[in-house]
Amino acid sequence: MADQPPKNGSPEKDPGGEMSVREAGKKGGDTVRERYGSGFYEAIGRKGGQATRERHGAQFYETIGQKGGRVVKDKYGSDFYEEIGHKGGQKVKALIAEAKKMSEGNAAKEAPAERPKIG
């Protein structure tokens, strides 16, 4: 049985030394990104999402989100959500502070210079 070729989709190399399915997929994805740009994936994802919503309804996303949430909760525990929420909040806080700092810097550059007072 060891002489049998890998099953379809196996990441192992085939006996002829050709690339694995995983390597071929990565190569194809890289080629598509180079040819059409990374925004291509966003566009086809949006189209796929719209088609799924039309076929299954908006409620479908809520259902699969709840299923995914239960799986994550079972795997990592309920404290996991608190931890990632805190991390996300800290990131947003830092981004807001950075934007304010940049905005203040731009405002200072755009403000007219004061004339020196005489006398």
PDB file of N, CA and C in Angstrom:
ATOM      1  N   MET A   1       0.809  -1.200   0.000  1.00  0.00           N
ATOM      2  CA  MET A   1       0.000   0.000   0.000  1.00  0.00           C
ATOM      3  C   MET A   1       0.848   1.259   0.000  1.00  0.00           C
ATOM      4  N   ALA A   2       2.073   1.179   0.413  1.00  0.00           N
ATOM      5  CA  ALA A   2       2.942   2.345   0.463  1.00  0.00           C
ATOM      6  C   ALA A   2       3.271   2.858  -0.935  1.00  0.00           C
ATOM      7  N   ASP A   3       3.078   2.010  -1.975  1.00  0.00           N
ATOM      8  CA  ASP A   3       3.389   2.402  -3.334  1.00  0.00           C
ATOM      9  C   ASP A   3       2.256   3.167  -4.007  1.00  0.00           C
ATOM     10  N   GLN A   4       1.123   3.330  -3.323  1.00  0.00           N
ATOM     11  CA  GLN A   4      -0.003   4.029  -3.919  1.00  0.00           C
ATOM     12  C   GLN A   4       0.263   5.524  -3.954  1.00  0.00           C
ATOM     13  N   PRO A   5      -0.168   6.190  -5.031  1.00  0.00           N
ATOM     14  CA  PRO A   5       0.009   7.647  -5.081  1.00  0.00           C
ATOM     15  C   PRO A   5      -0.880   8.312  -4.044  1.00  0.00           C
ATOM     16  N   PRO A   6      -0.534   9.525  -3.612  1.00  0.00           N
ATOM     17  CA  PRO A   6      -1.363  10.216  -2.617  1.00  0.00           C
ATOM     18  C   PRO A   6      -2.757  10.474  -3.167  1.00  0.00           C
ATOM     19  N   LYS A   7      -3.716  10.534  -2.270  1.00  0.00           N
ATOM     20  CA  LYS A   7      -5.097  10.822  -2.660  1.00  0.00           C
ATOM     21  C   LYS A   7      -5.196  12.253  -3.160  1.00  0.00           C
ATOM     22  N   ASN A   8      -6.214  12.510  -3.951  1.00  0.00           N
ATOM     23  CA  ASN A   8      -6.426  13.840  -4.514  1.00  0.00           C
ATOM     24  C   ASN A   8      -6.503  14.877  -3.397  1.00  0.00           C
ATOM     25  N   GLY A   9      -5.759  15.965  -3.524  1.00  0.00           N
ATOM     26  CA  GLY A   9      -5.785  17.017  -2.524  1.00  0.00           C
ATOM     27  C   GLY A   9      -4.710  16.859  -1.460  1.00  0.00           C
ATOM     28  N   SER A  10      -3.931  15.790  -1.536  1.00  0.00           N
ATOM     29  CA  SER A  10      -2.894  15.556  -0.530  1.00  0.00           C
ATOM     30  C   SER A  10      -1.769  16.562  -0.696  1.00  0.00           C
ATOM     31  N   PRO A  11      -1.233  17.091   0.409  1.00  0.00           N
ATOM     32  CA  PRO A  11      -0.126  18.038   0.293  1.00  0.00           C
ATOM     33  C   PRO A  11       1.203  17.350  -0.012  1.00  0.00           C
ATOM     34  N   GLU A  12       1.229  16.010   0.001  1.00  0.00           N
ATOM     35  CA  GLU A  12       2.471  15.296  -0.259  1.00  0.00           C
ATOM     36  C   GLU A  12       2.816  15.350  -1.735  1.00  0.00           C
ATOM     37  N   LYS A  13       4.112  15.243  -2.028  1.00  0.00           N
ATOM     38  CA  LYS A  13       4.553  15.209  -3.420  1.00  0.00           C
ATOM     39  C   LYS A  13       4.167  13.879  -4.030  1.00  0.00           C
ATOM     40  N   ASP A  14       3.889  13.910  -5.330  1.00  0.00           N
ATOM     41  CA  ASP A  14       3.570  12.637  -5.968  1.00  0.00           C
ATOM     42  C   ASP A  14       4.865  11.918  -6.319  1.00  0.00           C
ATOM     43  N   PRO A  15       4.799  10.645  -6.659  1.00  0.00           N
ATOM     44  CA  PRO A  15       6.013   9.863  -6.904  1.00  0.00           C
ATOM     45  C   PRO A  15       6.882  10.419  -8.019  1.00  0.00           C
ATOM     46  N   GLY A  16       6.299  11.166  -8.960  1.00  0.00           N
ATOM     47  CA  GLY A  16       7.069  11.708 -10.073  1.00  0.00           C
ATOM     48  C   GLY A  16       7.843  12.964  -9.708  1.00  0.00           C
ATOM     49  N   GLY A  17       7.724  13.434  -8.475  1.00  0.00           N
ATOM     50  CA  GLY A  17       8.458  14.624  -8.035  1.00  0.00           C
ATOM     51  C   GLY A  17       7.814  15.929  -8.449  1.00  0.00           C
ATOM     52  N   GLU A  18       6.577  15.880  -8.913  1.00  0.00           N
ATOM     53  CA  GLU A  18       5.879  17.103  -9.292  1.00  0.00           C
ATOM     54  C   GLU A  18       5.492  17.876  -8.039  1.00  0.00           C
ATOM     55  N   MET A  19       5.000  19.100  -8.211  1.00  0.00           N
ATOM     56  CA  MET A  19       4.621  19.908  -7.054  1.00  0.00           C
ATOM     57  C   MET A  19       3.344  19.364  -6.409  1.00  0.00           C
ATOM     58  N   SER A  20       3.188  19.659  -5.128  1.00  0.00           N
ATOM     59  CA  SER A  20       2.006  19.215  -4.388  1.00  0.00           C
ATOM     60  C   SER A  20       0.800  20.068  -4.774  1.00  0.00           C
ATOM     61  N   VAL A  21      -0.361  19.613  -4.383  1.00  0.00           N
ATOM     62  CA  VAL A  21      -1.585  20.375  -4.633  1.00  0.00           C
ATOM     63  C   VAL A  21      -1.498  21.726  -3.932  1.00  0.00           C
ATOM     64  N   ARG A  22      -0.974  21.728  -2.731  1.00  0.00           N
ATOM     65  CA  ARG A  22      -0.826  22.971  -1.974  1.00  0.00           C
ATOM     66  C   ARG A  22       0.103  23.953  -2.693  1.00  0.00           C
ATOM     67  N   GLU A  23       1.238  23.442  -3.180  1.00  0.00           N
ATOM     68  CA  GLU A  23       2.176  24.300  -3.900  1.00  0.00           C
ATOM     69  C   GLU A  23       1.551  24.847  -5.184  1.00  0.00           C
ATOM     70  N   ALA A  24       0.811  23.994  -5.887  1.00  0.00           N
ATOM     71  CA  ALA A  24       0.159  24.425  -7.125  1.00  0.00           C
ATOM     72  C   ALA A  24      -0.880  25.506  -6.837  1.00  0.00           C
ATOM     73  N   GLY A  25      -1.640  25.338  -5.751  1.00  0.00           N
ATOM     74  CA  GLY A  25      -2.637  26.338  -5.378  1.00  0.00           C
ATOM     75  C   GLY A  25      -2.005  27.672  -5.041  1.00  0.00           C
ATOM     76  N   LYS A  26      -0.905  27.642  -4.317  1.00  0.00           N
ATOM     77  CA  LYS A  26      -0.209  28.880  -3.957  1.00  0.00           C
ATOM     78  C   LYS A  26       0.340  29.562  -5.202  1.00  0.00           C
ATOM     79  N   LYS A  27       0.922  28.762  -6.079  1.00  0.00           N
ATOM     80  CA  LYS A  27       1.472  29.321  -7.315  1.00  0.00           C
ATOM     81  C   LYS A  27       0.364  29.969  -8.151  1.00  0.00           C
ATOM     82  N   GLY A  28      -0.777  29.296  -8.258  1.00  0.00           N
ATOM     83  CA  GLY A  28      -1.898  29.855  -9.008  1.00  0.00           C
ATOM     84  C   GLY A  28      -2.426  31.129  -8.374  1.00  0.00           C
ATOM     85  N   GLY A  29      -2.546  31.131  -7.046  1.00  0.00           N
ATOM     86  CA  GLY A  29      -3.019  32.324  -6.347  1.00  0.00           C
ATOM     87  C   GLY A  29      -2.078  33.496  -6.516  1.00  0.00           C
ATOM     88  N   ASP A  30      -0.779  33.225  -6.460  1.00  0.00           N
ATOM     89  CA  ASP A  30       0.213  34.288  -6.657  1.00  0.00           C
ATOM     90  C   ASP A  30       0.125  34.861  -8.064  1.00  0.00           C
ATOM     91  N   THR A  31      -0.068  33.971  -9.045  1.00  0.00           N
ATOM     92  CA  THR A  31      -0.182  34.412 -10.439  1.00  0.00           C
ATOM     93  C   THR A  31      -1.408  35.298 -10.633  1.00  0.00           C
ATOM     94  N   VAL A  32      -2.530  34.908 -10.057  1.00  0.00           N
ATOM     95  CA  VAL A  32      -3.758  35.704 -10.165  1.00  0.00           C
ATOM     96  C   VAL A  32      -3.553  37.065  -9.511  1.00  0.00           C
ATOM     97  N   ARG A  33      -2.925  37.091  -8.328  1.00  0.00           N
ATOM     98  CA  ARG A  33      -2.681  38.359  -7.638  1.00  0.00           C
ATOM     99  C   ARG A  33      -1.801  39.275  -8.482  1.00  0.00           C
ATOM    100  N   GLU A  34      -0.762  38.706  -9.110  1.00  0.00           N
ATOM    101  CA  GLU A  34       0.126  39.519  -9.949  1.00  0.00           C
ATOM    102  C   GLU A  34      -0.609  40.046 -11.180  1.00  0.00           C
ATOM    103  N   ARG A  35      -1.459  39.221 -11.758  1.00  0.00           N
ATOM    104  CA  ARG A  35      -2.149  39.580 -12.998  1.00  0.00           C
ATOM    105  C   ARG A  35      -3.271  40.586 -12.757  1.00  0.00           C
ATOM    106  N   TYR A  36      -4.079  40.374 -11.723  1.00  0.00           N
ATOM    107  CA  TYR A  36      -5.289  41.181 -11.515  1.00  0.00           C
ATOM    108  C   TYR A  36      -5.222  42.111 -10.308  1.00  0.00           C
ATOM    109  N   GLY A  37      -4.231  41.963  -9.470  1.00  0.00           N
ATOM    110  CA  GLY A  37      -4.108  42.786  -8.274  1.00  0.00           C
ATOM    111  C   GLY A  37      -4.849  42.169  -7.095  1.00  0.00           C
ATOM    112  N   SER A  38      -4.463  42.570  -5.897  1.00  0.00           N
ATOM    113  CA  SER A  38      -5.055  41.974  -4.698  1.00  0.00           C
ATOM    114  C   SER A  38      -6.522  42.362  -4.527  1.00  0.00           C
ATOM    115  N   GLY A  39      -6.943  43.472  -5.111  1.00  0.00           N
ATOM    116  CA  GLY A  39      -8.340  43.890  -5.038  1.00  0.00           C
ATOM    117  C   GLY A  39      -9.285  42.937  -5.752  1.00  0.00           C
ATOM    118  N   PHE A  40      -8.739  42.138  -6.653  1.00  0.00           N
ATOM    119  CA  PHE A  40      -9.540  41.149  -7.374  1.00  0.00           C
ATOM    120  C   PHE A  40     -10.200  40.192  -6.402  1.00  0.00           C
ATOM    121  N   TYR A  41      -9.452  39.748  -5.393  1.00  0.00           N
ATOM    122  CA  TYR A  41     -10.007  38.808  -4.423  1.00  0.00           C
ATOM    123  C   TYR A  41     -11.139  39.450  -3.625  1.00  0.00           C
ATOM    124  N   GLU A  42     -10.990  40.721  -3.312  1.00  0.00           N
ATOM    125  CA  GLU A  42     -12.049  41.440  -2.599  1.00  0.00           C
ATOM    126  C   GLU A  42     -13.310  41.500  -3.451  1.00  0.00           C
ATOM    127  N   ALA A  43     -13.143  41.786  -4.735  1.00  0.00           N
ATOM    128  CA  ALA A  43     -14.295  41.902  -5.636  1.00  0.00           C
ATOM    129  C   ALA A  43     -15.014  40.567  -5.796  1.00  0.00           C
ATOM    130  N   ILE A  44     -14.256  39.486  -5.999  1.00  0.00           N
ATOM    131  CA  ILE A  44     -14.935  38.196  -6.179  1.00  0.00           C
ATOM    132  C   ILE A  44     -15.535  37.708  -4.869  1.00  0.00           C
ATOM    133  N   GLY A  45     -14.925  38.075  -3.751  1.00  0.00           N
ATOM    134  CA  GLY A  45     -15.500  37.722  -2.453  1.00  0.00           C
ATOM    135  C   GLY A  45     -16.820  38.437  -2.225  1.00  0.00           C
ATOM    136  N   ARG A  46     -16.879  39.706  -2.606  1.00  0.00           N
ATOM    137  CA  ARG A  46     -18.115  40.482  -2.461  1.00  0.00           C
ATOM    138  C   ARG A  46     -19.216  39.886  -3.342  1.00  0.00           C
ATOM    139  N   LYS A  47     -18.851  39.532  -4.582  1.00  0.00           N
ATOM    140  CA  LYS A  47     -19.840  38.926  -5.479  1.00  0.00           C
ATOM    141  C   LYS A  47     -20.342  37.599  -4.913  1.00  0.00           C
ATOM    142  N   GLY A  48     -19.429  36.817  -4.381  1.00  0.00           N
ATOM    143  CA  GLY A  48     -19.824  35.543  -3.788  1.00  0.00           C
ATOM    144  C   GLY A  48     -20.719  35.739  -2.584  1.00  0.00           C
ATOM    145  N   GLY A  49     -20.424  36.733  -1.768  1.00  0.00           N
ATOM    146  CA  GLY A  49     -21.251  37.036  -0.606  1.00  0.00           C
ATOM    147  C   GLY A  49     -22.647  37.477  -0.998  1.00  0.00           C
ATOM    148  N   GLN A  50     -22.735  38.294  -2.054  1.00  0.00           N
ATOM    149  CA  GLN A  50     -24.046  38.742  -2.527  1.00  0.00           C
ATOM    150  C   GLN A  50     -24.856  37.569  -3.068  1.00  0.00           C
ATOM    151  N   ALA A  51     -24.190  36.693  -3.817  1.00  0.00           N
ATOM    152  CA  ALA A  51     -24.886  35.526  -4.369  1.00  0.00           C
ATOM    153  C   ALA A  51     -25.373  34.612  -3.246  1.00  0.00           C
ATOM    154  N   THR A  52     -24.547  34.436  -2.219  1.00  0.00           N
ATOM    155  CA  THR A  52     -24.935  33.598  -1.086  1.00  0.00           C
ATOM    156  C   THR A  52     -26.124  34.210  -0.355  1.00  0.00           C
ATOM    157  N   ARG A  53     -26.113  35.538  -0.164  1.00  0.00           N
ATOM    158  CA  ARG A  53     -27.224  36.215   0.503  1.00  0.00           C
ATOM    159  C   ARG A  53     -28.515  36.058  -0.306  1.00  0.00           C
ATOM    160  N   GLU A  54     -28.403  36.194  -1.627  1.00  0.00           N
ATOM    161  CA  GLU A  54     -29.587  36.045  -2.473  1.00  0.00           C
ATOM    162  C   GLU A  54     -30.119  34.608  -2.432  1.00  0.00           C
ATOM    163  N   ARG A  55     -29.222  33.649  -2.388  1.00  0.00           N
ATOM    164  CA  ARG A  55     -29.627  32.243  -2.416  1.00  0.00           C
ATOM    165  C   ARG A  55     -30.167  31.777  -1.066  1.00  0.00           C
ATOM    166  N   HIS A  56     -29.507  32.175   0.026  1.00  0.00           N
ATOM    167  CA  HIS A  56     -29.847  31.644   1.346  1.00  0.00           C
ATOM    168  C   HIS A  56     -30.496  32.648   2.289  1.00  0.00           C
ATOM    169  N   GLY A  57     -30.461  33.933   1.953  1.00  0.00           N
ATOM    170  CA  GLY A  57     -31.029  34.959   2.808  1.00  0.00           C
ATOM    171  C   GLY A  57     -30.009  35.485   3.808  1.00  0.00           C
ATOM    172  N   ALA A  58     -30.277  36.670   4.319  1.00  0.00           N
ATOM    173  CA  ALA A  58     -29.358  37.313   5.254  1.00  0.00           C
ATOM    174  C   ALA A  58     -29.260  36.532   6.566  1.00  0.00           C
ATOM    175  N   GLN A  59     -30.314  35.856   6.951  1.00  0.00           N
ATOM    176  CA  GLN A  59     -30.336  35.068   8.193  1.00  0.00           C
ATOM    177  C   GLN A  59     -29.251  33.992   8.177  1.00  0.00           C
ATOM    178  N   PHE A  60     -28.899  33.520   6.995  1.00  0.00           N
ATOM    179  CA  PHE A  60     -27.876  32.478   6.849  1.00  0.00           C
ATOM    180  C   PHE A  60     -26.562  32.903   7.504  1.00  0.00           C
ATOM    181  N   TYR A  61     -26.167  34.162   7.309  1.00  0.00           N
ATOM    182  CA  TYR A  61     -24.909  34.651   7.879  1.00  0.00           C
ATOM    183  C   TYR A  61     -24.957  34.659   9.405  1.00  0.00           C
ATOM    184  N   GLU A  62     -26.104  35.014   9.952  1.00  0.00           N
ATOM    185  CA  GLU A  62     -26.253  34.992  11.410  1.00  0.00           C
ATOM    186  C   GLU A  62     -26.090  33.561  11.925  1.00  0.00           C
ATOM    187  N   THR A  63     -26.710  32.624  11.235  1.00  0.00           N
ATOM    188  CA  THR A  63     -26.648  31.223  11.652  1.00  0.00           C
ATOM    189  C   THR A  63     -25.218  30.687  11.609  1.00  0.00           C
ATOM    190  N   ILE A  64     -24.522  30.934  10.504  1.00  0.00           N
ATOM    191  CA  ILE A  64     -23.157  30.393  10.416  1.00  0.00           C
ATOM    192  C   ILE A  64     -22.214  31.124  11.363  1.00  0.00           C
ATOM    193  N   GLY A  65     -22.494  32.407  11.624  1.00  0.00           N
ATOM    194  CA  GLY A  65     -21.687  33.147  12.599  1.00  0.00           C
ATOM    195  C   GLY A  65     -21.838  32.588  14.005  1.00  0.00           C
ATOM    196  N   GLN A  66     -23.074  32.234  14.359  1.00  0.00           N
ATOM    197  CA  GLN A  66     -23.312  31.638  15.678  1.00  0.00           C
ATOM    198  C   GLN A  66     -22.633  30.286  15.795  1.00  0.00           C
ATOM    199  N   LYS A  67     -22.716  29.480  14.734  1.00  0.00           N
ATOM    200  CA  LYS A  67     -22.046  28.178  14.756  1.00  0.00           C
ATOM    201  C   LYS A  67     -20.543  28.348  14.928  1.00  0.00           C
ATOM    202  N   GLY A  68     -19.977  29.268  14.163  1.00  0.00           N
ATOM    203  CA  GLY A  68     -18.538  29.528  14.276  1.00  0.00           C
ATOM    204  C   GLY A  68     -18.165  30.040  15.658  1.00  0.00           C
ATOM    205  N   GLY A  69     -19.002  30.902  16.209  1.00  0.00           N
ATOM    206  CA  GLY A  69     -18.745  31.433  17.547  1.00  0.00           C
ATOM    207  C   GLY A  69     -18.746  30.345  18.608  1.00  0.00           C
ATOM    208  N   ARG A  70     -19.670  29.391  18.478  1.00  0.00           N
ATOM    209  CA  ARG A  70     -19.707  28.272  19.442  1.00  0.00           C
ATOM    210  C   ARG A  70     -18.457  27.414  19.331  1.00  0.00           C
ATOM    211  N   VAL A  71     -17.986  27.178  18.110  1.00  0.00           N
ATOM    212  CA  VAL A  71     -16.783  26.372  17.913  1.00  0.00           C
ATOM    213  C   VAL A  71     -15.579  27.067  18.555  1.00  0.00           C
ATOM    214  N   VAL A  72     -15.454  28.367  18.323  1.00  0.00           N
ATOM    215  CA  VAL A  72     -14.334  29.126  18.901  1.00  0.00           C
ATOM    216  C   VAL A  72     -14.436  29.121  20.429  1.00  0.00           C
ATOM    217  N   LYS A  73     -15.634  29.316  20.953  1.00  0.00           N
ATOM    218  CA  LYS A  73     -15.824  29.315  22.407  1.00  0.00           C
ATOM    219  C   LYS A  73     -15.446  27.959  23.002  1.00  0.00           C
ATOM    220  N   ASP A  74     -15.862  26.869  22.341  1.00  0.00           N
ATOM    221  CA  ASP A  74     -15.516  25.529  22.831  1.00  0.00           C
ATOM    222  C   ASP A  74     -14.013  25.285  22.766  1.00  0.00           C
ATOM    223  N   LYS A  75     -13.371  25.810  21.744  1.00  0.00           N
ATOM    224  CA  LYS A  75     -11.936  25.570  21.564  1.00  0.00           C
ATOM    225  C   LYS A  75     -11.080  26.436  22.483  1.00  0.00           C
ATOM    226  N   TYR A  76     -11.415  27.726  22.607  1.00  0.00           N
ATOM    227  CA  TYR A  76     -10.553  28.671  23.328  1.00  0.00           C
ATOM    228  C   TYR A  76     -11.129  29.166  24.648  1.00  0.00           C
ATOM    229  N   GLY A  77     -12.400  28.932  24.901  1.00  0.00           N
ATOM    230  CA  GLY A  77     -13.022  29.403  26.127  1.00  0.00           C
ATOM    231  C   GLY A  77     -13.635  30.778  25.955  1.00  0.00           C
ATOM    232  N   SER A  78     -14.568  31.109  26.848  1.00  0.00           N
ATOM    233  CA  SER A  78     -15.284  32.382  26.714  1.00  0.00           C
ATOM    234  C   SER A  78     -14.390  33.583  27.021  1.00  0.00           C
ATOM    235  N   ASP A  79     -13.326  33.396  27.796  1.00  0.00           N
ATOM    236  CA  ASP A  79     -12.411  34.507  28.086  1.00  0.00           C
ATOM    237  C   ASP A  79     -11.674  34.981  26.833  1.00  0.00           C
ATOM    238  N   PHE A  80     -11.594  34.117  25.847  1.00  0.00           N
ATOM    239  CA  PHE A  80     -10.920  34.463  24.601  1.00  0.00           C
ATOM    240  C   PHE A  80     -11.538  35.706  23.966  1.00  0.00           C
ATOM    241  N   TYR A  81     -12.870  35.779  23.979  1.00  0.00           N
ATOM    242  CA  TYR A  81     -13.544  36.929  23.374  1.00  0.00           C
ATOM    243  C   TYR A  81     -13.221  38.219  24.124  1.00  0.00           C
ATOM    244  N   GLU A  82     -13.124  38.123  25.429  1.00  0.00           N
ATOM    245  CA  GLU A  82     -12.758  39.298  26.224  1.00  0.00           C
ATOM    246  C   GLU A  82     -11.349  39.760  25.857  1.00  0.00           C
ATOM    247  N   GLU A  83     -10.446  38.788  25.718  1.00  0.00           N
ATOM    248  CA  GLU A  83      -9.055  39.105  25.393  1.00  0.00           C
ATOM    249  C   GLU A  83      -8.934  39.765  24.018  1.00  0.00           C
ATOM    250  N   ILE A  84      -9.577  39.189  23.007  1.00  0.00           N
ATOM    251  CA  ILE A  84      -9.445  39.780  21.670  1.00  0.00           C
ATOM    252  C   ILE A  84     -10.201  41.101  21.573  1.00  0.00           C
ATOM    253  N   GLY A  85     -11.277  41.235  22.334  1.00  0.00           N
ATOM    254  CA  GLY A  85     -11.987  42.514  22.376  1.00  0.00           C
ATOM    255  C   GLY A  85     -11.121  43.605  22.963  1.00  0.00           C
ATOM    256  N   HIS A  86     -10.393  43.268  24.022  1.00  0.00           N
ATOM    257  CA  HIS A  86      -9.491  44.233  24.651  1.00  0.00           C
ATOM    258  C   HIS A  86      -8.378  44.628  23.679  1.00  0.00           C
ATOM    259  N   LYS A  87      -7.796  43.633  23.009  1.00  0.00           N
ATOM    260  CA  LYS A  87      -6.733  43.920  22.042  1.00  0.00           C
ATOM    261  C   LYS A  87      -7.248  44.827  20.931  1.00  0.00           C
ATOM    262  N   GLY A  88      -8.452  44.522  20.433  1.00  0.00           N
ATOM    263  CA  GLY A  88      -9.043  45.350  19.377  1.00  0.00           C
ATOM    264  C   GLY A  88      -9.285  46.764  19.856  1.00  0.00           C
ATOM    265  N   GLY A  89      -9.776  46.897  21.078  1.00  0.00           N
ATOM    266  CA  GLY A  89     -10.019  48.219  21.646  1.00  0.00           C
ATOM    267  C   GLY A  89      -8.746  49.022  21.794  1.00  0.00           C
ATOM    268  N   GLN A  90      -7.673  48.363  22.215  1.00  0.00           N
ATOM    269  CA  GLN A  90      -6.384  49.050  22.354  1.00  0.00           C
ATOM    270  C   GLN A  90      -5.867  49.498  20.994  1.00  0.00           C
ATOM    271  N   LYS A  91      -6.062  48.669  19.982  1.00  0.00           N
ATOM    272  CA  LYS A  91      -5.617  49.020  18.633  1.00  0.00           C
ATOM    273  C   LYS A  91      -6.390  50.231  18.121  1.00  0.00           C
ATOM    274  N   VAL A  92      -7.703  50.248  18.323  1.00  0.00           N
ATOM    275  CA  VAL A  92      -8.531  51.376  17.897  1.00  0.00           C
ATOM    276  C   VAL A  92      -8.111  52.642  18.634  1.00  0.00           C
ATOM    277  N   LYS A  93      -7.869  52.520  19.933  1.00  0.00           N
ATOM    278  CA  LYS A  93      -7.442  53.663  20.736  1.00  0.00           C
ATOM    279  C   LYS A  93      -6.136  54.246  20.188  1.00  0.00           C
ATOM    280  N   ALA A  94      -5.188  53.368  19.851  1.00  0.00           N
ATOM    281  CA  ALA A  94      -3.906  53.818  19.311  1.00  0.00           C
ATOM    282  C   ALA A  94      -4.083  54.485  17.947  1.00  0.00           C
ATOM    283  N   LEU A  95      -4.941  53.925  17.108  1.00  0.00           N
ATOM    284  CA  LEU A  95      -5.184  54.509  15.784  1.00  0.00           C
ATOM    285  C   LEU A  95      -5.827  55.885  15.895  1.00  0.00           C
ATOM    286  N   ILE A  96      -6.752  56.036  16.826  1.00  0.00           N
ATOM    287  CA  ILE A  96      -7.398  57.336  17.038  1.00  0.00           C
ATOM    288  C   ILE A  96      -6.380  58.368  17.517  1.00  0.00           C
ATOM    289  N   ALA A  97      -5.530  57.961  18.454  1.00  0.00           N
ATOM    290  CA  ALA A  97      -4.508  58.880  18.960  1.00  0.00           C
ATOM    291  C   ALA A  97      -3.551  59.293  17.844  1.00  0.00           C
ATOM    292  N   GLU A  98      -3.180  58.335  17.010  1.00  0.00           N
ATOM    293  CA  GLU A  98      -2.282  58.631  15.891  1.00  0.00           C
ATOM    294  C   GLU A  98      -2.948  59.585  14.902  1.00  0.00           C
ATOM    295  N   ALA A  99      -4.221  59.369  14.612  1.00  0.00           N
ATOM    296  CA  ALA A  99      -4.942  60.241  13.683  1.00  0.00           C
ATOM    297  C   ALA A  99      -5.060  61.657  14.245  1.00  0.00           C
ATOM    298  N   LYS A 100      -5.325  61.758  15.550  1.00  0.00           N
ATOM    299  CA  LYS A 100      -5.413  63.092  16.172  1.00  0.00           C
ATOM    300  C   LYS A 100      -4.081  63.815  16.086  1.00  0.00           C
ATOM    301  N   LYS A 101      -3.005  63.072  16.351  1.00  0.00           N
ATOM    302  CA  LYS A 101      -1.676  63.675  16.313  1.00  0.00           C
ATOM    303  C   LYS A 101      -1.370  64.179  14.899  1.00  0.00           C
ATOM    304  N   MET A 102      -1.708  63.381  13.889  1.00  0.00           N
ATOM    305  CA  MET A 102      -1.471  63.786  12.505  1.00  0.00           C
ATOM    306  C   MET A 102      -2.344  64.980  12.138  1.00  0.00           C
ATOM    307  N   SER A 103      -3.582  64.975  12.608  1.00  0.00           N
ATOM    308  CA  SER A 103      -4.502  66.066  12.325  1.00  0.00           C
ATOM    309  C   SER A 103      -4.010  67.368  12.953  1.00  0.00           C
ATOM    310  N   GLU A 104      -3.534  67.287  14.170  1.00  0.00           N
ATOM    311  CA  GLU A 104      -3.010  68.475  14.849  1.00  0.00           C
ATOM    312  C   GLU A 104      -1.763  68.991  14.135  1.00  0.00           C
ATOM    313  N   GLY A 105      -0.924  68.075  13.662  1.00  0.00           N
ATOM    314  CA  GLY A 105       0.280  68.474  12.925  1.00  0.00           C
ATOM    315  C   GLY A 105      -0.071  69.165  11.624  1.00  0.00           C
ATOM    316  N   ASN A 106      -1.076  68.652  10.929  1.00  0.00           N
ATOM    317  CA  ASN A 106      -1.519  69.274   9.675  1.00  0.00           C
ATOM    318  C   ASN A 106      -2.167  70.626   9.930  1.00  0.00           C
ATOM    319  N   ALA A 107      -2.917  70.760  11.015  1.00  0.00           N
ATOM    320  CA  ALA A 107      -3.570  72.028  11.348  1.00  0.00           C
ATOM    321  C   ALA A 107      -2.521  73.090  11.647  1.00  0.00           C
ATOM    322  N   ALA A 108      -1.449  72.704  12.320  1.00  0.00           N
ATOM    323  CA  ALA A 108      -0.395  73.656  12.645  1.00  0.00           C
ATOM    324  C   ALA A 108       0.316  74.124  11.380  1.00  0.00           C
ATOM    325  N   LYS A 109       0.470  73.234  10.410  1.00  0.00           N
ATOM    326  CA  LYS A 109       1.126  73.606   9.164  1.00  0.00           C
ATOM    327  C   LYS A 109       0.251  74.554   8.347  1.00  0.00           C
ATOM    328  N   GLU A 110      -1.072  74.351   8.419  1.00  0.00           N
ATOM    329  CA  GLU A 110      -1.995  75.140   7.614  1.00  0.00           C
ATOM    330  C   GLU A 110      -2.333  76.483   8.254  1.00  0.00           C
ATOM    331  N   ALA A 111      -2.139  76.636   9.561  1.00  0.00           N
ATOM    332  CA  ALA A 111      -2.485  77.883  10.247  1.00  0.00           C
ATOM    333  C   ALA A 111      -1.558  79.002   9.800  1.00  0.00           C
ATOM    334  N   PRO A 112      -2.119  80.180   9.565  1.00  0.00           N
ATOM    335  CA  PRO A 112      -1.266  81.297   9.159  1.00  0.00           C
ATOM    336  C   PRO A 112      -0.339  81.702  10.312  1.00  0.00           C
ATOM    337  N   ALA A 113       0.851  82.110   9.929  1.00  0.00           N
ATOM    338  CA  ALA A 113       1.827  82.511  10.947  1.00  0.00           C
ATOM    339  C   ALA A 113       1.391  83.843  11.555  1.00  0.00           C
ATOM    340  N   GLU A 114       1.602  83.990  12.861  1.00  0.00           N
ATOM    341  CA  GLU A 114       1.257  85.243  13.531  1.00  0.00           C
ATOM    342  C   GLU A 114       2.294  86.299  13.208  1.00  0.00           C
ATOM    343  N   ARG A 115       1.811  87.536  13.064  1.00  0.00           N
ATOM    344  CA  ARG A 115       2.743  88.644  12.843  1.00  0.00           C
ATOM    345  C   ARG A 115       3.350  89.054  14.162  1.00  0.00           C
ATOM    346  N   PRO A 116       4.595  89.378  14.151  1.00  0.00           N
ATOM    347  CA  PRO A 116       5.199  89.864  15.404  1.00  0.00           C
ATOM    348  C   PRO A 116       4.600  91.215  15.780  1.00  0.00           C
ATOM    349  N   LYS A 117       4.365  91.373  17.074  1.00  0.00           N
ATOM    350  CA  LYS A 117       3.796  92.631  17.559  1.00  0.00           C
ATOM    351  C   LYS A 117       4.897  93.693  17.653  1.00  0.00           C
ATOM    352  N   ILE A 118       4.530  94.891  17.218  1.00  0.00           N
ATOM    353  CA  ILE A 118       5.489  95.984  17.264  1.00  0.00           C
ATOM    354  C   ILE A 118       5.066  96.937  18.353  1.00  0.00           C
ATOM    355  N   GLY A 119       6.029  97.281  19.204  1.00  0.00           N
ATOM    356  CA  GLY A 119       5.837  98.319  20.170  1.00  0.00           C
ATOM    357  C   GLY A 119       5.179  97.992  21.370  1.00  0.00           C
TER     358      GLY A 119
END
